Amino acid sequence: MRYVTAAGVRLSGVGLGTWQFGAGEWGYGTRYAEEVAPAIVRRSLELGVNLFDTAEIYAFGRSERILGAALAGHRDEAFLATKLFPVLPVDPIVARRAAGSLRRLGVEALDLYQVHWPNPVVPIGPTMTALGRLLDRGLVRHVGVSNFTLAQWQGAEAALGRPVLSNQVKYSLIDRGPERELLPWAQANDRLVIAYSPLSQGLLSGRYDPDHLPGGVRAGNAAFLPENVRLLAPVLDTLAEVAAAHGTTSAQVALAWLLRRPNVVVIPGASSVAQAESNAAAADLELTDEEDAALTAASDAFHPTRGGAAVPALARVRFERFAERLRGVGEALRR
């Protein structure tokens, strides 16, 4: 396992994201939550993974409970990160919410407590003041943010008066916004970028094509629009070529590409123990400079439909899927 050190913190390059633990929108079911998820955590620990990321909003606290139970007896082996959902993020509400996460996780202190999103109404100052008090009490060891711009990250750090260790943002071979400002600043200031959706919710695994796309939470992701998946073909082809050269998978290559960037750690999810093993192995995959350049060039040439421009296409896809379900119901009623 490759490790990344910043601000005195040593983290596994590949961590484990746990949004899917207990969350109905992923459709994994009860057996996954009760049996598979704990097994994923235990196997990840065995493989040297020490970064485990969750949030109070994931399955409304159930993800924290599942993760905490799975880590029982192994607390010292884990760097435990969770997130505060910023509704009225002021003291004493922040303190109460932190206490709830501590209770659900079954721990006495959080290694990293992150503000999940910037609050557009509440200034960051009161939130950072409350988090500073948690630091002083030893209930939180490090403060982080998530989905913050560079200016917001710097503002949070100024308000806290201490390092804000990390910014957790969407970052992958096809979501490279953090490279403009966040990553250079992190590298220059001994901070971390924690990459969530590092496989673009599985799109970079090569499992999907325009005629075979996932449903559930991913149906609302513009990256999975059929026209975007078609445009992605050169990126997927390059991933497959590099993977074939190493005898590995496209997903592992996509993770290894991110891990070549200093001050970056990744937190892919896992639907099975085998997938967790595959993700962890990516930390030891060494790409050549030429392979890195080829992947970067393919990514540079990918120009998908995003943002507001994707709304009509997403609406069309949702309507088509709704109409397909209605046809299925009609056919069943006619039998």
Protein backbone atom coordinates (compact mmCIF):
# COMPACT_ATOMS: atom_id res chain seq x y z
CA MET A 1 0.00 0.00 0.00
CA ARG A 2 1.28 3.45 -0.94
CA TYR A 3 0.86 6.10 1.76
CA VAL A 4 0.55 9.87 1.50
CA THR A 5 1.75 12.19 4.25
CA ALA A 6 0.61 15.78 4.78
CA ALA A 7 0.63 17.97 7.87
CA GLY A 8 1.99 15.03 9.86
CA VAL A 9 -0.89 12.74 8.88
CA ARG A 10 -0.08 9.46 7.08
CA LEU A 11 -2.94 8.08 5.04
CA SER A 12 -3.29 5.14 2.69
CA GLY A 13 -3.38 6.37 -0.89
CA VAL A 14 -6.54 4.33 -1.39
CA GLY A 15 -9.15 4.78 1.30
CA LEU A 16 -12.71 3.53 1.49
CA GLY A 17 -15.78 5.66 0.83
CA THR A 18 -18.92 4.43 2.56
CA TRP A 19 -21.80 6.44 1.07
CA GLN A 20 -23.34 3.15 -0.09
CA PHE A 21 -23.33 1.58 3.40
CA GLY A 22 -27.00 1.27 4.27
CA ALA A 23 -28.11 3.78 1.63
CA GLY A 24 -31.21 2.71 -0.27
CA GLU A 25 -30.43 4.84 -3.33
CA TRP A 26 -27.62 2.45 -4.28
CA GLY A 27 -29.97 -0.53 -4.16
CA TYR A 28 -27.52 -2.91 -2.46
CA GLY A 29 -30.01 -4.24 0.05
CA THR A 30 -30.03 -5.60 3.59
CA ARG A 31 -27.48 -8.38 3.10
CA TYR A 32 -24.96 -5.88 1.79
CA ALA A 33 -25.44 -3.61 4.80
CA GLU A 34 -25.33 -6.38 7.39
CA GLU A 35 -22.75 -8.77 5.92
CA VAL A 36 -20.87 -7.43 2.91
CA ALA A 37 -20.11 -3.91 4.14
CA PRO A 38 -18.50 -5.09 7.41
CA ALA A 39 -16.48 -7.68 5.47
CA ILE A 40 -15.27 -4.92 3.11
CA VAL A 41 -14.07 -2.86 6.08
CA ARG A 42 -12.25 -5.79 7.69
CA ARG A 43 -10.56 -6.82 4.45
CA SER A 44 -9.56 -3.23 3.72
CA LEU A 45 -7.82 -3.03 7.08
CA GLU A 46 -5.93 -6.24 6.29
CA LEU A 47 -4.74 -4.70 3.03
CA GLY A 48 -3.31 -1.61 4.74
CA VAL A 49 -6.19 0.79 4.13
CA ASN A 50 -6.44 3.22 7.04
CA LEU A 51 -8.64 6.02 5.64
CA PHE A 52 -12.36 5.41 6.10
CA ASP A 53 -14.76 8.16 5.08
CA THR A 54 -18.42 8.53 5.96
CA ALA A 55 -20.93 11.29 6.75
CA GLU A 56 -23.88 11.84 9.04
CA ILE A 57 -26.14 12.33 6.00
CA TYR A 58 -25.25 8.96 4.44
CA ALA A 59 -28.36 6.83 4.99
CA PHE A 60 -29.20 9.31 7.78
CA GLY A 61 -26.53 7.98 10.13
CA ARG A 62 -26.73 4.31 9.20
CA SER A 63 -23.44 4.43 7.29
CA GLU A 64 -21.70 5.71 10.43
CA ARG A 65 -23.26 2.94 12.52
CA ILE A 66 -22.23 0.21 10.06
CA LEU A 67 -18.69 1.55 9.78
CA GLY A 68 -18.31 2.03 13.53
CA ALA A 69 -19.46 -1.51 14.27
CA ALA A 70 -17.11 -2.93 11.63
CA LEU A 71 -14.14 -1.04 13.11
CA ALA A 72 -14.84 -2.18 16.69
CA GLY A 73 -11.61 -3.53 18.12
CA HIS A 74 -9.57 -1.91 15.32
CA ARG A 75 -9.93 1.77 16.16
CA ASP A 76 -6.18 2.38 16.35
CA GLU A 77 -5.73 1.06 12.80
CA ALA A 78 -8.13 3.52 11.23
CA PHE A 79 -8.09 7.20 10.36
CA LEU A 80 -11.79 7.90 10.71
CA ALA A 81 -13.33 10.76 8.74
CA THR A 82 -16.93 11.90 8.80
CA LYS A 83 -18.79 15.00 7.70
CA LEU A 84 -21.09 17.62 9.20
CA PHE A 85 -24.11 18.44 7.05
CA PRO A 86 -24.15 22.25 7.27
CA VAL A 87 -27.72 23.03 8.32
CA LEU A 88 -27.45 25.74 10.98
CA PRO A 89 -23.74 24.95 11.47
CA VAL A 90 -23.21 27.04 14.59
CA ASP A 91 -22.27 26.24 18.15
CA PRO A 92 -23.86 24.47 20.08
CA ILE A 93 -25.55 22.69 17.16
CA VAL A 94 -22.19 21.68 15.70
CA ALA A 95 -21.18 20.20 19.06
CA ARG A 96 -24.44 18.26 19.26
CA ARG A 97 -24.04 16.92 15.72
CA ALA A 98 -20.45 15.89 16.40
CA ALA A 99 -21.61 14.06 19.52
CA GLY A 100 -24.14 12.19 17.39
CA SER A 101 -21.45 11.08 14.95
CA LEU A 102 -19.17 10.01 17.81
CA ARG A 103 -21.99 7.97 19.31
CA ARG A 104 -22.95 6.28 16.04
CA LEU A 105 -19.32 5.50 15.24
CA GLY A 106 -18.65 4.30 18.78
CA VAL A 107 -15.46 6.35 19.20
CA GLU A 108 -14.16 9.00 21.56
CA ALA A 109 -12.65 11.26 18.89
CA LEU A 110 -12.96 11.89 15.17
CA ASP A 111 -9.70 11.91 13.24
CA LEU A 112 -11.14 14.23 10.60
CA TYR A 113 -14.35 16.23 10.86
CA GLN A 114 -15.32 17.81 7.54
CA VAL A 115 -17.87 20.45 6.62
CA HIS A 116 -19.78 18.59 3.91
CA TRP A 117 -20.73 21.61 1.78
CA PRO A 118 -20.38 25.37 2.03
CA ASN A 119 -23.51 26.92 3.49
CA PRO A 120 -24.66 29.72 1.16
CA VAL A 121 -26.43 31.56 3.99
CA VAL A 122 -24.36 31.01 7.15
CA PRO A 123 -20.85 32.52 7.06
CA ILE A 124 -18.04 30.06 7.69
CA GLY A 125 -16.78 31.90 10.79
CA PRO A 126 -19.25 30.51 13.35
CA THR A 127 -18.80 26.99 12.00
CA MET A 128 -15.02 27.18 12.30
CA THR A 129 -15.29 28.66 15.80
CA ALA A 130 -17.41 25.67 16.84
CA LEU A 131 -14.98 23.24 15.22
CA GLY A 132 -12.08 24.95 16.96
CA ARG A 133 -13.74 24.25 20.30
CA LEU A 134 -14.05 20.58 19.36
CA LEU A 135 -10.34 20.55 18.52
CA ASP A 136 -9.54 22.11 21.89
CA ARG A 137 -11.63 19.49 23.69
CA GLY A 138 -9.88 16.65 21.87
CA LEU A 139 -13.13 15.42 20.29
CA VAL A 140 -11.78 16.20 16.82
CA ARG A 141 -8.14 15.81 15.76
CA HIS A 142 -8.25 17.51 12.36
CA VAL A 143 -10.72 19.72 10.51
CA GLY A 144 -11.47 19.42 6.81
CA VAL A 145 -13.90 20.75 4.25
CA SER A 146 -15.67 19.21 1.26
CA ASN A 147 -16.83 20.72 -2.02
CA PHE A 148 -15.17 24.05 -1.20
CA THR A 149 -13.54 26.38 -3.72
CA LEU A 150 -9.99 27.48 -3.01
CA ALA A 151 -11.19 30.84 -1.71
CA GLN A 152 -13.67 29.09 0.59
CA TRP A 153 -10.99 26.66 1.79
CA GLN A 154 -8.61 29.51 2.55
CA GLY A 155 -11.41 31.44 4.24
CA ALA A 156 -12.22 28.43 6.43
CA GLU A 157 -8.59 28.12 7.44
CA ALA A 158 -8.32 31.82 8.25
CA ALA A 159 -11.47 31.60 10.38
CA LEU A 160 -10.22 28.50 12.21
CA GLY A 161 -6.78 30.00 12.78
CA ARG A 162 -5.24 26.56 12.25
CA PRO A 163 -4.68 24.21 9.31
CA VAL A 164 -7.73 22.86 7.53
CA LEU A 165 -6.12 19.58 6.57
CA SER A 166 -8.13 18.59 3.53
CA ASN A 167 -10.72 19.39 0.91
CA GLN A 168 -12.79 16.45 -0.28
CA VAL A 169 -13.89 17.06 -3.87
CA LYS A 170 -15.02 15.20 -6.97
CA TYR A 171 -11.84 14.37 -8.85
CA SER A 172 -11.20 11.77 -11.50
CA LEU A 173 -9.66 11.34 -14.92
CA ILE A 174 -12.76 13.03 -16.37
CA ASP A 175 -13.51 15.48 -13.51
CA ARG A 176 -10.30 17.48 -13.28
CA GLY A 177 -11.49 20.79 -11.90
CA PRO A 178 -9.37 20.48 -8.71
CA GLU A 179 -6.21 20.70 -10.81
CA ARG A 180 -6.82 24.38 -11.58
CA GLU A 181 -6.42 25.77 -8.05
CA LEU A 182 -7.07 23.29 -5.26
CA LEU A 183 -4.31 20.80 -5.99
CA PRO A 184 -1.49 23.32 -6.54
CA TRP A 185 -2.40 25.05 -3.29
CA ALA A 186 -2.56 21.77 -1.38
CA GLN A 187 0.83 20.75 -2.72
CA ALA A 188 2.38 24.10 -1.85
CA ASN A 189 0.89 24.19 1.67
CA ASP A 190 1.15 20.59 2.91
CA ARG A 191 -2.57 19.94 2.62
CA LEU A 192 -4.59 17.10 1.10
CA VAL A 193 -7.10 16.72 -1.70
CA ILE A 194 -9.37 13.75 -1.00
CA ALA A 195 -10.81 12.56 -4.30
CA TYR A 196 -14.37 11.24 -4.14
CA SER A 197 -15.98 9.55 -7.16
CA PRO A 198 -12.46 8.77 -8.43
CA LEU A 199 -13.97 6.27 -10.87
CA SER A 200 -16.83 8.62 -11.79
CA GLN A 201 -19.29 6.28 -10.03
CA GLY A 202 -17.94 3.29 -11.94
CA LEU A 203 -18.02 4.84 -15.41
CA LEU A 204 -14.22 4.58 -15.73
CA SER A 205 -14.33 0.86 -14.98
CA GLY A 206 -15.37 0.21 -18.58
CA ARG A 207 -18.42 -1.79 -17.47
CA TYR A 208 -20.92 0.50 -19.19
CA ASP A 209 -21.70 1.57 -22.75
CA PRO A 210 -24.47 3.74 -24.26
CA ASP A 211 -26.80 0.75 -24.50
CA HIS A 212 -26.08 -0.62 -21.01
CA LEU A 213 -26.27 2.08 -18.38
CA PRO A 214 -26.99 1.87 -14.63
CA GLY A 215 -30.09 3.09 -12.87
CA GLY A 216 -30.48 4.29 -9.30
CA VAL A 217 -28.50 7.28 -8.09
CA ARG A 218 -26.28 7.22 -11.19
CA ALA A 219 -29.22 7.84 -13.52
CA GLY A 220 -29.12 11.49 -12.45
CA ASN A 221 -25.41 11.86 -13.23
CA ALA A 222 -24.81 13.67 -16.53
CA ALA A 223 -21.66 11.61 -17.04
CA PHE A 224 -23.93 8.62 -17.78
CA LEU A 225 -25.86 10.32 -20.56
CA PRO A 226 -25.59 8.05 -23.62
CA GLU A 227 -24.02 10.83 -25.69
CA ASN A 228 -21.39 11.44 -23.01
CA VAL A 229 -20.58 7.74 -22.75
CA ARG A 230 -20.06 7.65 -26.53
CA LEU A 231 -17.68 10.61 -26.30
CA LEU A 232 -15.82 8.82 -23.51
CA ALA A 233 -14.78 5.92 -25.76
CA PRO A 234 -11.21 7.20 -26.42
CA VAL A 235 -10.61 7.56 -22.67
CA LEU A 236 -11.94 4.07 -21.97
CA ASP A 237 -9.87 2.66 -24.84
CA THR A 238 -6.71 4.23 -23.43
CA LEU A 239 -7.48 2.92 -19.96
CA ALA A 240 -7.99 -0.57 -21.41
CA GLU A 241 -4.71 -0.41 -23.35
CA VAL A 242 -2.72 0.62 -20.27
CA ALA A 243 -4.51 -1.99 -18.17
CA ALA A 244 -3.64 -4.72 -20.68
CA ALA A 245 0.02 -3.70 -20.55
CA HIS A 246 0.06 -4.18 -16.77
CA GLY A 247 -2.28 -7.17 -16.55
CA THR A 248 -4.67 -5.13 -14.43
CA THR A 249 -8.08 -3.42 -14.76
CA SER A 250 -9.20 -0.09 -16.18
CA ALA A 251 -10.48 0.93 -12.75
CA GLN A 252 -7.10 0.29 -11.17
CA VAL A 253 -5.39 2.34 -13.87
CA ALA A 254 -7.81 5.25 -13.31
CA LEU A 255 -7.02 5.20 -9.57
CA ALA A 256 -3.27 4.88 -10.18
CA TRP A 257 -3.40 7.92 -12.47
CA LEU A 258 -4.83 10.00 -9.62
CA LEU A 259 -2.32 8.67 -7.12
CA ARG A 260 0.56 9.91 -9.25
CA ARG A 261 -0.55 13.43 -8.24
CA PRO A 262 1.19 14.53 -5.02
CA ASN A 263 -1.04 15.24 -2.01
CA VAL A 264 -3.96 13.22 -3.41
CA VAL A 265 -5.72 10.28 -1.79
CA VAL A 266 -8.76 8.52 -3.25
CA ILE A 267 -11.84 7.09 -1.57
CA PRO A 268 -13.64 4.76 -3.98
CA GLY A 269 -16.61 2.81 -2.74
CA ALA A 270 -16.86 -0.95 -3.06
CA SER A 271 -19.83 -3.19 -3.79
CA SER A 272 -17.93 -6.36 -2.80
CA VAL A 273 -14.84 -7.57 -1.00
CA ALA A 274 -13.28 -8.38 -4.37
CA GLN A 275 -13.78 -4.81 -5.53
CA ALA A 276 -12.24 -3.47 -2.32
CA GLU A 277 -9.23 -5.72 -2.92
CA SER A 278 -8.92 -4.48 -6.49
CA ASN A 279 -9.13 -0.85 -5.40
CA ALA A 280 -6.45 -1.31 -2.74
CA ALA A 281 -4.13 -3.00 -5.24
CA ALA A 282 -4.23 0.13 -7.40
CA ALA A 283 -2.03 1.87 -4.84
CA ASP A 284 0.87 -0.35 -5.89
CA LEU A 285 0.38 0.08 -9.64
CA GLU A 286 3.20 2.15 -11.15
CA LEU A 287 2.33 3.89 -14.41
CA THR A 288 5.03 5.17 -16.73
CA ASP A 289 5.32 8.84 -17.68
CA GLU A 290 4.25 7.90 -21.20
CA GLU A 291 1.13 6.11 -19.94
CA ASP A 292 0.27 9.04 -17.71
CA ALA A 293 0.65 11.42 -20.66
CA ALA A 294 -1.55 9.26 -22.90
CA LEU A 295 -4.32 9.13 -20.30
CA THR A 296 -4.08 12.87 -19.69
CA ALA A 297 -4.25 13.61 -23.42
CA ALA A 298 -7.33 11.41 -23.82
CA SER A 299 -8.94 13.19 -20.88
CA ASP A 300 -8.07 16.61 -22.32
CA ALA A 301 -9.88 15.68 -25.53
CA PHE A 302 -13.07 14.63 -23.69
CA HIS A 303 -15.67 17.41 -23.80
CA PRO A 304 -18.98 16.09 -22.40
CA THR A 305 -22.26 17.88 -21.93
CA ARG A 306 -22.27 19.21 -18.37
CA GLY A 307 -24.14 21.54 -16.04
CA GLY A 308 -27.20 23.35 -17.31
CA ALA A 309 -26.60 22.13 -20.84
CA ALA A 310 -27.15 18.56 -19.62
CA VAL A 311 -30.56 19.25 -18.05
CA PRO A 312 -32.67 18.67 -21.20
CA ALA A 313 -30.85 15.42 -21.96
CA LEU A 314 -31.23 14.20 -18.38
CA ALA A 315 -34.94 15.05 -18.48
CA ARG A 316 -35.27 13.11 -21.74
CA VAL A 317 -33.52 10.06 -20.29
CA ARG A 318 -35.69 10.12 -17.18
CA PHE A 319 -38.85 10.44 -19.28
CA GLU A 320 -37.77 7.52 -21.49
CA ARG A 321 -37.08 5.33 -18.45
CA PHE A 322 -40.40 6.31 -16.87
CA ALA A 323 -42.21 5.50 -20.13
CA GLU A 324 -40.41 2.16 -20.29
CA ARG A 325 -41.55 1.31 -16.77
CA LEU A 326 -45.11 2.23 -17.66
CA ARG A 327 -44.97 -0.02 -20.71
CA GLY A 328 -43.72 -2.82 -18.48
CA VAL A 329 -46.63 -2.31 -16.10
CA GLY A 330 -49.06 -2.30 -19.01
CA GLU A 331 -47.66 -5.52 -20.42
CA ALA A 332 -47.87 -7.18 -17.00
CA LEU A 333 -51.50 -6.14 -16.60
CA ARG A 334 -52.39 -7.55 -20.03
CA ARG A 335 -50.98 -11.00 -19.23
